Amino acid sequence: MPERPQLAVLDSTPIIALALIGKLDLLQRLYSEVAIPPAVQQEVLAGGLGAVGSVELQQADWLHVVPLQDPPRAAMLSDLDRGEAETIALAQELNADLVLIDERLARRHAKRLGLKLSGTLGVLLKAKSLGLIPSISPLVEQLLRGGIRLSESVVAEALELAGEA
């Protein structure tokens, strides 16, 4: 089995999605270091204590908020929201092993910049492959019921990769 990535930098959607299904702790189990930029922290906390992910983020002392050393780098990604742009910029600054972003346009930018990508479903697939969860199908259903938008083709591919199609 290939060595697991050591440093993962996250956007807000994977945090919110994994918190929604009670699986945010998978990040700590899969990666030795998990970092987010300040804009992602602000996005997740913006809804207050009742927002999905807010309490979980505040309790995740293993998740580190790392300020950008070169903020103009994020400003160059002006067609992304601030959290996505800072996530990509921070991943570049830290030479991250993996970037977790779900939004299509942000993924295109990250790929163009040579960053290794995954997303919420990738986390679930990795967790299943390592025996940390028995199945992804019920978790995907929870995500969809909880309002997380996932394309049918992406869900079908993930279920096929998980052997649950």
N, C-alpha and C. Protein backbone atom coordinates (compact mmCIF):
# COMPACT_ATOMS: atom_id res chain seq x y z
N MET A 1 0.85 -1.18 0.00
CA MET A 1 0.00 0.00 0.00
C MET A 1 0.89 1.24 0.00
N PRO A 2 0.56 2.25 -0.84
CA PRO A 2 1.38 3.46 -0.87
C PRO A 2 1.29 4.20 0.46
N GLU A 3 2.34 4.94 0.76
CA GLU A 3 2.37 5.71 2.01
C GLU A 3 1.29 6.76 1.98
N ARG A 4 0.61 6.94 3.12
CA ARG A 4 -0.47 7.92 3.15
C ARG A 4 0.10 9.34 3.20
N PRO A 5 -0.63 10.30 2.64
CA PRO A 5 -0.15 11.68 2.68
C PRO A 5 0.02 12.15 4.13
N GLN A 6 1.02 12.94 4.35
CA GLN A 6 1.29 13.42 5.69
C GLN A 6 0.56 14.72 6.01
N LEU A 7 0.51 15.65 5.05
CA LEU A 7 -0.12 16.94 5.28
C LEU A 7 -1.26 17.14 4.30
N ALA A 8 -2.46 17.33 4.83
CA ALA A 8 -3.64 17.63 4.01
C ALA A 8 -4.12 19.04 4.35
N VAL A 9 -4.43 19.82 3.32
CA VAL A 9 -4.99 21.16 3.49
C VAL A 9 -6.43 21.10 2.99
N LEU A 10 -7.36 21.63 3.80
CA LEU A 10 -8.78 21.47 3.52
C LEU A 10 -9.49 22.78 3.23
N ASP A 11 -10.49 22.67 2.36
CA ASP A 11 -11.47 23.72 2.14
C ASP A 11 -12.64 23.45 3.11
N SER A 12 -13.58 24.36 3.16
CA SER A 12 -14.68 24.25 4.13
C SER A 12 -15.67 23.12 3.83
N THR A 13 -15.96 22.84 2.56
CA THR A 13 -16.98 21.83 2.25
C THR A 13 -16.64 20.45 2.81
N PRO A 14 -15.42 19.93 2.66
CA PRO A 14 -15.15 18.63 3.28
C PRO A 14 -15.31 18.64 4.81
N ILE A 15 -14.97 19.74 5.45
CA ILE A 15 -15.15 19.84 6.91
C ILE A 15 -16.63 19.76 7.25
N ILE A 16 -17.43 20.57 6.58
CA ILE A 16 -18.87 20.60 6.85
C ILE A 16 -19.51 19.26 6.52
N ALA A 17 -19.15 18.69 5.37
CA ALA A 17 -19.74 17.42 4.95
C ALA A 17 -19.39 16.29 5.92
N LEU A 18 -18.13 16.19 6.30
CA LEU A 18 -17.73 15.13 7.22
C LEU A 18 -18.32 15.34 8.61
N ALA A 19 -18.45 16.59 9.05
CA ALA A 19 -19.10 16.88 10.33
C ALA A 19 -20.57 16.48 10.28
N LEU A 20 -21.21 16.74 9.16
CA LEU A 20 -22.63 16.42 8.97
C LEU A 20 -22.90 14.94 9.21
N ILE A 21 -21.98 14.08 8.81
CA ILE A 21 -22.18 12.63 8.95
C ILE A 21 -21.41 12.05 10.15
N GLY A 22 -20.88 12.95 10.99
CA GLY A 22 -20.19 12.49 12.19
C GLY A 22 -18.86 11.81 11.94
N LYS A 23 -18.18 12.18 10.83
CA LYS A 23 -16.94 11.51 10.45
C LYS A 23 -15.76 12.46 10.30
N LEU A 24 -15.81 13.63 10.92
CA LEU A 24 -14.68 14.57 10.81
C LEU A 24 -13.40 13.95 11.35
N ASP A 25 -13.53 13.08 12.34
CA ASP A 25 -12.36 12.44 12.94
C ASP A 25 -11.58 11.56 11.96
N LEU A 26 -12.20 11.18 10.84
CA LEU A 26 -11.46 10.39 9.85
C LEU A 26 -10.22 11.14 9.37
N LEU A 27 -10.32 12.45 9.28
CA LEU A 27 -9.18 13.25 8.82
C LEU A 27 -7.97 13.06 9.73
N GLN A 28 -8.22 13.06 11.02
CA GLN A 28 -7.13 12.86 11.98
C GLN A 28 -6.54 11.47 11.87
N ARG A 29 -7.37 10.50 11.53
CA ARG A 29 -6.90 9.13 11.42
C ARG A 29 -6.19 8.84 10.10
N LEU A 30 -6.51 9.63 9.06
CA LEU A 30 -5.92 9.39 7.74
C LEU A 30 -4.65 10.19 7.47
N TYR A 31 -4.52 11.36 8.09
CA TYR A 31 -3.41 12.27 7.79
C TYR A 31 -2.70 12.66 9.07
N SER A 32 -1.39 12.75 9.00
CA SER A 32 -0.63 13.08 10.20
C SER A 32 -0.77 14.55 10.57
N GLU A 33 -1.05 15.40 9.57
CA GLU A 33 -1.26 16.82 9.86
C GLU A 33 -2.38 17.33 8.95
N VAL A 34 -3.30 18.10 9.56
CA VAL A 34 -4.43 18.66 8.83
C VAL A 34 -4.43 20.16 9.07
N ALA A 35 -4.44 20.94 7.98
CA ALA A 35 -4.37 22.39 8.10
C ALA A 35 -5.47 23.05 7.27
N ILE A 36 -5.90 24.22 7.75
CA ILE A 36 -6.84 25.04 7.01
C ILE A 36 -6.36 26.49 7.08
N PRO A 37 -6.69 27.28 6.05
CA PRO A 37 -6.37 28.71 6.13
C PRO A 37 -7.44 29.45 6.95
N PRO A 38 -7.16 30.66 7.40
CA PRO A 38 -8.12 31.43 8.19
C PRO A 38 -9.48 31.62 7.51
N ALA A 39 -9.51 31.80 6.20
CA ALA A 39 -10.80 32.01 5.51
C ALA A 39 -11.71 30.79 5.64
N VAL A 40 -11.13 29.60 5.64
CA VAL A 40 -11.93 28.39 5.80
C VAL A 40 -12.49 28.33 7.22
N GLN A 41 -11.68 28.65 8.19
CA GLN A 41 -12.17 28.69 9.57
C GLN A 41 -13.34 29.68 9.68
N GLN A 42 -13.19 30.85 9.09
CA GLN A 42 -14.25 31.86 9.14
C GLN A 42 -15.52 31.37 8.44
N GLU A 43 -15.38 30.70 7.30
CA GLU A 43 -16.55 30.18 6.57
C GLU A 43 -17.30 29.15 7.41
N VAL A 44 -16.58 28.24 8.03
CA VAL A 44 -17.23 27.19 8.81
C VAL A 44 -17.89 27.78 10.06
N LEU A 45 -17.25 28.75 10.68
CA LEU A 45 -17.79 29.33 11.92
C LEU A 45 -18.83 30.41 11.67
N ALA A 46 -18.99 30.85 10.41
CA ALA A 46 -19.87 31.98 10.09
C ALA A 46 -21.32 31.75 10.51
N GLY A 47 -21.77 30.51 10.49
CA GLY A 47 -23.16 30.23 10.83
C GLY A 47 -23.43 30.18 12.32
N GLY A 48 -22.40 30.36 13.13
CA GLY A 48 -22.59 30.31 14.58
C GLY A 48 -22.59 28.88 15.09
N LEU A 49 -22.87 28.74 16.38
CA LEU A 49 -22.78 27.43 17.03
C LEU A 49 -23.77 26.42 16.48
N GLY A 50 -24.85 26.87 15.86
CA GLY A 50 -25.82 25.93 15.32
C GLY A 50 -25.46 25.41 13.95
N ALA A 51 -24.48 25.98 13.31
CA ALA A 51 -24.11 25.57 11.96
C ALA A 51 -23.36 24.25 11.98
N VAL A 52 -23.64 23.42 10.97
CA VAL A 52 -22.95 22.14 10.85
C VAL A 52 -21.45 22.38 10.71
N GLY A 53 -20.68 21.72 11.54
CA GLY A 53 -19.23 21.81 11.47
C GLY A 53 -18.63 22.81 12.43
N SER A 54 -19.41 23.74 12.91
CA SER A 54 -18.87 24.81 13.77
C SER A 54 -18.31 24.25 15.08
N VAL A 55 -19.12 23.52 15.81
CA VAL A 55 -18.68 22.96 17.09
C VAL A 55 -17.57 21.94 16.86
N GLU A 56 -17.74 21.11 15.82
CA GLU A 56 -16.74 20.08 15.53
C GLU A 56 -15.39 20.70 15.20
N LEU A 57 -15.41 21.79 14.44
CA LEU A 57 -14.16 22.47 14.10
C LEU A 57 -13.49 23.03 15.36
N GLN A 58 -14.28 23.63 16.21
CA GLN A 58 -13.72 24.21 17.43
C GLN A 58 -13.16 23.15 18.37
N GLN A 59 -13.71 21.95 18.32
CA GLN A 59 -13.25 20.87 19.19
C GLN A 59 -12.08 20.08 18.60
N ALA A 60 -11.81 20.26 17.32
CA ALA A 60 -10.77 19.49 16.64
C ALA A 60 -9.41 20.15 16.86
N ASP A 61 -8.82 19.89 18.03
CA ASP A 61 -7.54 20.51 18.36
C ASP A 61 -6.39 19.99 17.50
N TRP A 62 -6.63 18.95 16.74
CA TRP A 62 -5.64 18.39 15.82
C TRP A 62 -5.66 19.10 14.47
N LEU A 63 -6.65 19.93 14.23
CA LEU A 63 -6.78 20.66 12.98
C LEU A 63 -6.19 22.05 13.18
N HIS A 64 -5.20 22.40 12.38
CA HIS A 64 -4.45 23.64 12.60
C HIS A 64 -4.85 24.73 11.61
N VAL A 65 -5.10 25.92 12.14
CA VAL A 65 -5.34 27.09 11.29
C VAL A 65 -3.98 27.72 11.03
N VAL A 66 -3.62 27.81 9.76
CA VAL A 66 -2.30 28.31 9.37
C VAL A 66 -2.48 29.54 8.48
N PRO A 67 -2.00 30.70 8.94
CA PRO A 67 -2.13 31.90 8.11
C PRO A 67 -1.23 31.84 6.88
N LEU A 68 -1.68 32.49 5.82
CA LEU A 68 -0.89 32.56 4.60
C LEU A 68 0.32 33.47 4.81
N GLN A 69 1.44 33.06 4.30
CA GLN A 69 2.64 33.91 4.32
C GLN A 69 2.63 34.91 3.18
N ASP A 70 1.93 34.54 2.08
CA ASP A 70 1.88 35.37 0.88
C ASP A 70 0.42 35.53 0.45
N PRO A 71 -0.37 36.38 1.14
CA PRO A 71 -1.79 36.54 0.81
C PRO A 71 -2.09 36.91 -0.64
N PRO A 72 -1.25 37.68 -1.33
CA PRO A 72 -1.55 37.97 -2.74
C PRO A 72 -1.64 36.72 -3.62
N ARG A 73 -1.02 35.63 -3.21
CA ARG A 73 -1.10 34.38 -3.97
C ARG A 73 -2.57 33.94 -4.08
N ALA A 74 -3.32 34.07 -2.99
CA ALA A 74 -4.73 33.69 -3.00
C ALA A 74 -5.54 34.68 -3.84
N ALA A 75 -5.18 35.95 -3.79
CA ALA A 75 -5.91 36.97 -4.55
C ALA A 75 -5.82 36.72 -6.05
N MET A 76 -4.80 36.02 -6.49
CA MET A 76 -4.65 35.72 -7.92
C MET A 76 -5.72 34.74 -8.41
N LEU A 77 -6.35 34.03 -7.49
CA LEU A 77 -7.40 33.08 -7.84
C LEU A 77 -8.75 33.76 -7.64
N SER A 78 -8.95 34.87 -8.33
CA SER A 78 -10.08 35.76 -8.07
C SER A 78 -11.43 35.18 -8.47
N ASP A 79 -11.45 34.12 -9.27
CA ASP A 79 -12.74 33.53 -9.65
C ASP A 79 -13.22 32.47 -8.65
N LEU A 80 -12.47 32.27 -7.58
CA LEU A 80 -12.86 31.33 -6.51
C LEU A 80 -13.32 32.12 -5.30
N ASP A 81 -14.07 31.45 -4.41
CA ASP A 81 -14.39 32.13 -3.16
C ASP A 81 -13.12 32.18 -2.31
N ARG A 82 -13.16 33.00 -1.29
CA ARG A 82 -11.95 33.26 -0.51
C ARG A 82 -11.38 32.00 0.14
N GLY A 83 -12.25 31.15 0.67
CA GLY A 83 -11.79 29.92 1.31
C GLY A 83 -11.08 28.99 0.34
N GLU A 84 -11.67 28.82 -0.84
CA GLU A 84 -11.04 27.96 -1.85
C GLU A 84 -9.69 28.52 -2.29
N ALA A 85 -9.65 29.83 -2.54
CA ALA A 85 -8.40 30.47 -2.98
C ALA A 85 -7.32 30.34 -1.92
N GLU A 86 -7.68 30.58 -0.66
CA GLU A 86 -6.68 30.46 0.42
C GLU A 86 -6.25 29.01 0.61
N THR A 87 -7.16 28.07 0.43
CA THR A 87 -6.81 26.66 0.57
C THR A 87 -5.75 26.27 -0.45
N ILE A 88 -5.96 26.66 -1.70
CA ILE A 88 -5.00 26.35 -2.75
C ILE A 88 -3.67 27.06 -2.49
N ALA A 89 -3.73 28.34 -2.11
CA ALA A 89 -2.50 29.09 -1.84
C ALA A 89 -1.74 28.49 -0.67
N LEU A 90 -2.46 28.10 0.39
CA LEU A 90 -1.79 27.51 1.56
C LEU A 90 -1.16 26.16 1.20
N ALA A 91 -1.87 25.38 0.40
CA ALA A 91 -1.32 24.08 -0.02
C ALA A 91 -0.02 24.28 -0.79
N GLN A 92 0.02 25.30 -1.63
CA GLN A 92 1.26 25.60 -2.36
C GLN A 92 2.36 26.03 -1.39
N GLU A 93 2.03 26.94 -0.48
CA GLU A 93 3.04 27.44 0.47
C GLU A 93 3.63 26.33 1.33
N LEU A 94 2.76 25.42 1.77
CA LEU A 94 3.21 24.35 2.68
C LEU A 94 3.72 23.13 1.93
N ASN A 95 3.64 23.17 0.58
CA ASN A 95 3.99 22.00 -0.22
C ASN A 95 3.22 20.77 0.29
N ALA A 96 1.92 20.95 0.42
CA ALA A 96 1.05 19.91 0.99
C ALA A 96 1.06 18.65 0.14
N ASP A 97 0.88 17.53 0.81
CA ASP A 97 0.79 16.25 0.12
C ASP A 97 -0.56 16.07 -0.56
N LEU A 98 -1.59 16.75 -0.03
CA LEU A 98 -2.94 16.57 -0.54
C LEU A 98 -3.78 17.80 -0.23
N VAL A 99 -4.66 18.14 -1.18
CA VAL A 99 -5.62 19.23 -1.00
C VAL A 99 -7.02 18.61 -1.08
N LEU A 100 -7.85 18.89 -0.09
CA LEU A 100 -9.21 18.38 -0.09
C LEU A 100 -10.17 19.51 -0.44
N ILE A 101 -10.69 19.45 -1.67
CA ILE A 101 -11.62 20.46 -2.18
C ILE A 101 -12.67 19.72 -3.00
N ASP A 102 -13.94 20.10 -2.83
CA ASP A 102 -15.01 19.45 -3.57
C ASP A 102 -15.49 20.24 -4.79
N GLU A 103 -15.39 21.55 -4.77
CA GLU A 103 -15.95 22.37 -5.84
C GLU A 103 -15.15 22.22 -7.14
N ARG A 104 -15.88 22.06 -8.23
CA ARG A 104 -15.29 21.74 -9.54
C ARG A 104 -14.26 22.77 -10.00
N LEU A 105 -14.61 24.06 -9.98
CA LEU A 105 -13.69 25.09 -10.48
C LEU A 105 -12.41 25.14 -9.64
N ALA A 106 -12.56 25.04 -8.33
CA ALA A 106 -11.39 25.05 -7.44
C ALA A 106 -10.51 23.83 -7.71
N ARG A 107 -11.12 22.69 -7.98
CA ARG A 107 -10.36 21.48 -8.29
C ARG A 107 -9.57 21.67 -9.59
N ARG A 108 -10.19 22.33 -10.57
CA ARG A 108 -9.48 22.59 -11.82
C ARG A 108 -8.25 23.45 -11.59
N HIS A 109 -8.41 24.49 -10.79
CA HIS A 109 -7.27 25.36 -10.48
C HIS A 109 -6.17 24.57 -9.77
N ALA A 110 -6.55 23.80 -8.77
CA ALA A 110 -5.56 23.04 -8.01
C ALA A 110 -4.82 22.05 -8.90
N LYS A 111 -5.56 21.39 -9.77
CA LYS A 111 -4.93 20.43 -10.69
C LYS A 111 -3.97 21.14 -11.63
N ARG A 112 -4.40 22.29 -12.15
CA ARG A 112 -3.55 23.07 -13.07
C ARG A 112 -2.25 23.48 -12.38
N LEU A 113 -2.32 23.71 -11.07
CA LEU A 113 -1.14 24.13 -10.31
C LEU A 113 -0.31 22.94 -9.82
N GLY A 114 -0.72 21.73 -10.20
CA GLY A 114 0.07 20.55 -9.87
C GLY A 114 -0.16 19.99 -8.47
N LEU A 115 -1.26 20.36 -7.83
CA LEU A 115 -1.54 19.87 -6.49
C LEU A 115 -2.27 18.53 -6.56
N LYS A 116 -1.98 17.64 -5.62
CA LYS A 116 -2.66 16.36 -5.55
C LYS A 116 -4.00 16.59 -4.85
N LEU A 117 -5.07 16.09 -5.46
CA LEU A 117 -6.44 16.38 -5.02
C LEU A 117 -7.18 15.19 -4.48
N SER A 118 -8.08 15.49 -3.58
CA SER A 118 -9.12 14.57 -3.16
C SER A 118 -10.29 15.42 -2.70
N GLY A 119 -11.33 14.76 -2.24
CA GLY A 119 -12.50 15.48 -1.74
C GLY A 119 -13.17 14.64 -0.68
N THR A 120 -14.37 15.02 -0.34
CA THR A 120 -15.11 14.32 0.71
C THR A 120 -15.26 12.84 0.39
N LEU A 121 -15.68 12.53 -0.83
CA LEU A 121 -15.86 11.12 -1.19
C LEU A 121 -14.53 10.38 -1.23
N GLY A 122 -13.47 11.07 -1.61
CA GLY A 122 -12.14 10.46 -1.58
C GLY A 122 -11.72 10.08 -0.16
N VAL A 123 -12.07 10.92 0.79
CA VAL A 123 -11.78 10.62 2.20
C VAL A 123 -12.53 9.36 2.61
N LEU A 124 -13.81 9.28 2.23
CA LEU A 124 -14.60 8.10 2.59
C LEU A 124 -14.05 6.84 1.92
N LEU A 125 -13.64 6.94 0.66
CA LEU A 125 -13.06 5.79 -0.03
C LEU A 125 -11.76 5.33 0.64
N LYS A 126 -10.92 6.28 1.00
CA LYS A 126 -9.66 5.94 1.66
C LYS A 126 -9.94 5.28 3.01
N ALA A 127 -10.89 5.85 3.74
CA ALA A 127 -11.23 5.28 5.06
C ALA A 127 -11.75 3.85 4.92
N LYS A 128 -12.56 3.61 3.90
CA LYS A 128 -13.06 2.24 3.69
C LYS A 128 -11.91 1.31 3.33
N SER A 129 -11.02 1.76 2.45
CA SER A 129 -9.92 0.90 2.02
C SER A 129 -9.00 0.52 3.18
N LEU A 130 -8.96 1.37 4.20
CA LEU A 130 -8.13 1.09 5.38
C LEU A 130 -8.92 0.42 6.51
N GLY A 131 -10.18 0.12 6.26
CA GLY A 131 -11.00 -0.56 7.26
C GLY A 131 -11.51 0.34 8.37
N LEU A 132 -11.47 1.64 8.17
CA LEU A 132 -11.94 2.56 9.21
C LEU A 132 -13.46 2.72 9.20
N ILE A 133 -14.08 2.45 8.06
CA ILE A 133 -15.53 2.41 7.94
C ILE A 133 -15.89 1.19 7.10
N PRO A 134 -17.05 0.59 7.34
CA PRO A 134 -17.40 -0.62 6.60
C PRO A 134 -17.94 -0.36 5.20
N SER A 135 -18.55 0.80 4.99
CA SER A 135 -19.24 1.08 3.74
C SER A 135 -19.36 2.59 3.55
N ILE A 136 -19.34 3.04 2.27
CA ILE A 136 -19.54 4.48 2.04
C ILE A 136 -20.98 4.80 1.65
N SER A 137 -21.71 3.81 1.16
CA SER A 137 -23.05 4.05 0.63
C SER A 137 -23.98 4.75 1.62
N PRO A 138 -24.12 4.27 2.86
CA PRO A 138 -25.03 4.97 3.78
C PRO A 138 -24.54 6.39 4.12
N LEU A 139 -23.24 6.59 4.11
CA LEU A 139 -22.69 7.92 4.40
C LEU A 139 -22.96 8.88 3.24
N VAL A 140 -22.86 8.37 2.01
CA VAL A 140 -23.18 9.18 0.84
C VAL A 140 -24.65 9.58 0.89
N GLU A 141 -25.52 8.64 1.25
CA GLU A 141 -26.95 8.95 1.38
C GLU A 141 -27.18 10.04 2.43
N GLN A 142 -26.49 9.96 3.55
CA GLN A 142 -26.60 10.99 4.59
C GLN A 142 -26.16 12.35 4.07
N LEU A 143 -25.07 12.37 3.31
CA LEU A 143 -24.59 13.62 2.73
C LEU A 143 -25.65 14.24 1.83
N LEU A 144 -26.22 13.42 0.95
CA LEU A 144 -27.22 13.92 0.02
C LEU A 144 -28.47 14.40 0.76
N ARG A 145 -28.93 13.64 1.74
CA ARG A 145 -30.10 14.06 2.53
C ARG A 145 -29.81 15.33 3.32
N GLY A 146 -28.55 15.51 3.70
CA GLY A 146 -28.16 16.68 4.48
C GLY A 146 -27.93 17.93 3.65
N GLY A 147 -28.10 17.81 2.33
CA GLY A 147 -27.99 18.98 1.47
C GLY A 147 -26.64 19.17 0.80
N ILE A 148 -25.74 18.21 0.94
CA ILE A 148 -24.45 18.30 0.25
C ILE A 148 -24.70 17.92 -1.22
N ARG A 149 -24.28 18.79 -2.12
CA ARG A 149 -24.52 18.55 -3.54
C ARG A 149 -23.37 17.73 -4.13
N LEU A 150 -23.74 16.59 -4.67
CA LEU A 150 -22.79 15.70 -5.33
C LEU A 150 -23.41 15.26 -6.65
N SER A 151 -22.65 15.33 -7.72
CA SER A 151 -23.21 14.93 -9.01
C SER A 151 -23.43 13.43 -9.03
N GLU A 152 -24.44 13.02 -9.80
CA GLU A 152 -24.75 11.60 -9.91
C GLU A 152 -23.56 10.81 -10.42
N SER A 153 -22.82 11.39 -11.37
CA SER A 153 -21.68 10.66 -11.96
C SER A 153 -20.56 10.48 -10.93
N VAL A 154 -20.34 11.48 -10.09
CA VAL A 154 -19.30 11.38 -9.05
C VAL A 154 -19.71 10.33 -8.01
N VAL A 155 -20.97 10.35 -7.61
CA VAL A 155 -21.47 9.36 -6.64
C VAL A 155 -21.35 7.96 -7.24
N ALA A 156 -21.77 7.80 -8.49
CA ALA A 156 -21.71 6.47 -9.13
C ALA A 156 -20.27 5.98 -9.20
N GLU A 157 -19.34 6.86 -9.55
CA GLU A 157 -17.93 6.46 -9.63
C GLU A 157 -17.40 6.06 -8.25
N ALA A 158 -17.74 6.84 -7.22
CA ALA A 158 -17.28 6.53 -5.86
C ALA A 158 -17.84 5.19 -5.40
N LEU A 159 -19.12 4.93 -5.65
CA LEU A 159 -19.71 3.66 -5.24
C LEU A 159 -19.08 2.49 -5.99
N GLU A 160 -18.76 2.71 -7.26
CA GLU A 160 -18.10 1.66 -8.04
C GLU A 160 -16.70 1.38 -7.49
N LEU A 161 -15.95 2.45 -7.20
CA LEU A 161 -14.60 2.29 -6.63
C LEU A 161 -14.65 1.58 -5.28
N ALA A 162 -15.73 1.81 -4.54
CA ALA A 162 -15.89 1.18 -3.22
C ALA A 162 -16.40 -0.24 -3.32
N GLY A 163 -16.76 -0.66 -4.55
CA GLY A 163 -17.32 -2.00 -4.72
C GLY A 163 -18.75 -2.08 -4.21
N GLU A 164 -19.46 -0.95 -4.25
CA GLU A 164 -20.82 -0.89 -3.72
C GLU A 164 -21.83 -0.46 -4.78
N ALA A 165 -21.45 -0.56 -6.04
CA ALA A 165 -22.34 -0.10 -7.12
C ALA A 165 -23.49 -1.06 -7.32
